[in-house]
């Protein structure tokens, strides 16, 4: 079971800007699906349905190489 990251979009948004959707990405940045999920819960559910272990962001500005930025969903 591969880890996938539930990434809030748009990336690099200014402080206070709303998250418009979530995407599923592998560690190297390639998207798992081409679907934009309205909520984080939808993205987590989809990742689990595909047999992946989803990780959600613990911080606003994420770095996939830093395990402190992620937690298991």
Protein backbone atom coordinates (compact mmCIF):
# COMPACT_ATOMS: atom_id res chain seq x y z
CA UNK A 1 0.00 0.00 0.00
CA UNK A 2 1.64 3.22 -1.18
CA UNK A 3 1.44 6.49 0.71
CA UNK A 4 -0.38 9.27 -1.11
CA UNK A 5 -0.62 12.89 -0.08
CA UNK A 6 -3.91 14.76 0.20
CA UNK A 7 -2.76 18.16 -1.06
CA UNK A 8 -4.83 21.34 -0.61
CA UNK A 9 -5.06 23.45 -3.76
CA UNK A 10 -4.15 25.94 -5.03
CA UNK A 11 -0.52 25.52 -4.01
CA UNK A 12 1.38 28.58 -2.87
CA UNK A 13 -1.77 30.47 -1.99
CA UNK A 14 -1.36 33.60 0.15
CA UNK A 15 -2.19 33.48 3.86
CA UNK A 16 -5.93 33.67 4.41
CA UNK A 17 -6.83 32.50 0.90
CA UNK A 18 -9.40 29.73 0.76
CA UNK A 19 -8.64 26.16 -0.26
CA UNK A 20 -10.67 25.46 -3.41
CA UNK A 21 -10.19 21.67 -3.61
CA UNK A 22 -7.92 18.75 -2.73
CA UNK A 23 -5.91 16.40 -4.95
CA UNK A 24 -4.15 13.07 -4.38
CA UNK A 25 -0.44 13.01 -5.20
CA UNK A 26 2.43 10.55 -4.93
CA UNK A 27 5.66 11.64 -3.18
CA UNK A 28 7.25 12.71 -6.48
CA UNK A 29 4.32 15.04 -7.27
CA UNK A 30 2.43 13.02 -9.88
CA UNK A 31 -1.32 12.98 -9.35
CA UNK A 32 -2.92 9.66 -8.43
CA UNK A 33 -6.19 10.62 -10.12
CA UNK A 34 -7.22 13.61 -12.19
CA UNK A 35 -10.15 14.28 -9.86
CA UNK A 36 -10.44 17.47 -7.80
CA UNK A 37 -12.09 16.60 -4.47
CA UNK A 38 -14.33 19.18 -2.80
CA UNK A 39 -13.38 18.10 0.73
CA UNK A 40 -10.43 16.49 2.42
CA UNK A 41 -12.71 13.69 3.62
CA UNK A 42 -13.70 12.86 0.01
CA UNK A 43 -10.04 12.70 -1.00
CA UNK A 44 -9.14 10.46 1.97
CA UNK A 45 -12.04 8.14 1.18
CA UNK A 46 -11.02 7.91 -2.48
CA UNK A 47 -7.39 7.15 -1.56
CA UNK A 48 -8.45 4.36 0.79
CA UNK A 49 -10.80 3.00 -1.88
CA UNK A 50 -7.85 2.80 -4.28
CA UNK A 51 -5.84 0.85 -1.68
CA UNK A 52 -3.50 3.69 -0.66
CA UNK A 53 -2.51 5.04 2.75
CA UNK A 54 -3.51 8.74 2.69
CA UNK A 55 -1.48 11.38 4.52
CA UNK A 56 -3.01 14.77 5.34
CA UNK A 57 -1.23 18.06 5.93
CA UNK A 58 -0.42 19.20 9.47
CA UNK A 59 0.84 22.60 8.31
CA UNK A 60 -0.26 25.20 5.77
CA UNK A 61 2.87 25.12 3.58
CA UNK A 62 3.80 21.51 2.99
CA UNK A 63 6.95 19.68 1.96
CA UNK A 64 6.59 16.01 1.10
CA UNK A 65 10.17 15.37 2.25
CA UNK A 66 9.39 16.52 5.79
CA UNK A 67 7.47 13.86 7.77
CA UNK A 68 6.57 16.45 10.44
CA UNK A 69 4.28 18.13 7.87
CA UNK A 70 2.05 15.03 7.48
CA UNK A 71 -0.12 12.67 9.52
CA UNK A 72 -1.93 9.46 8.65
CA UNK A 73 -5.62 9.92 7.87
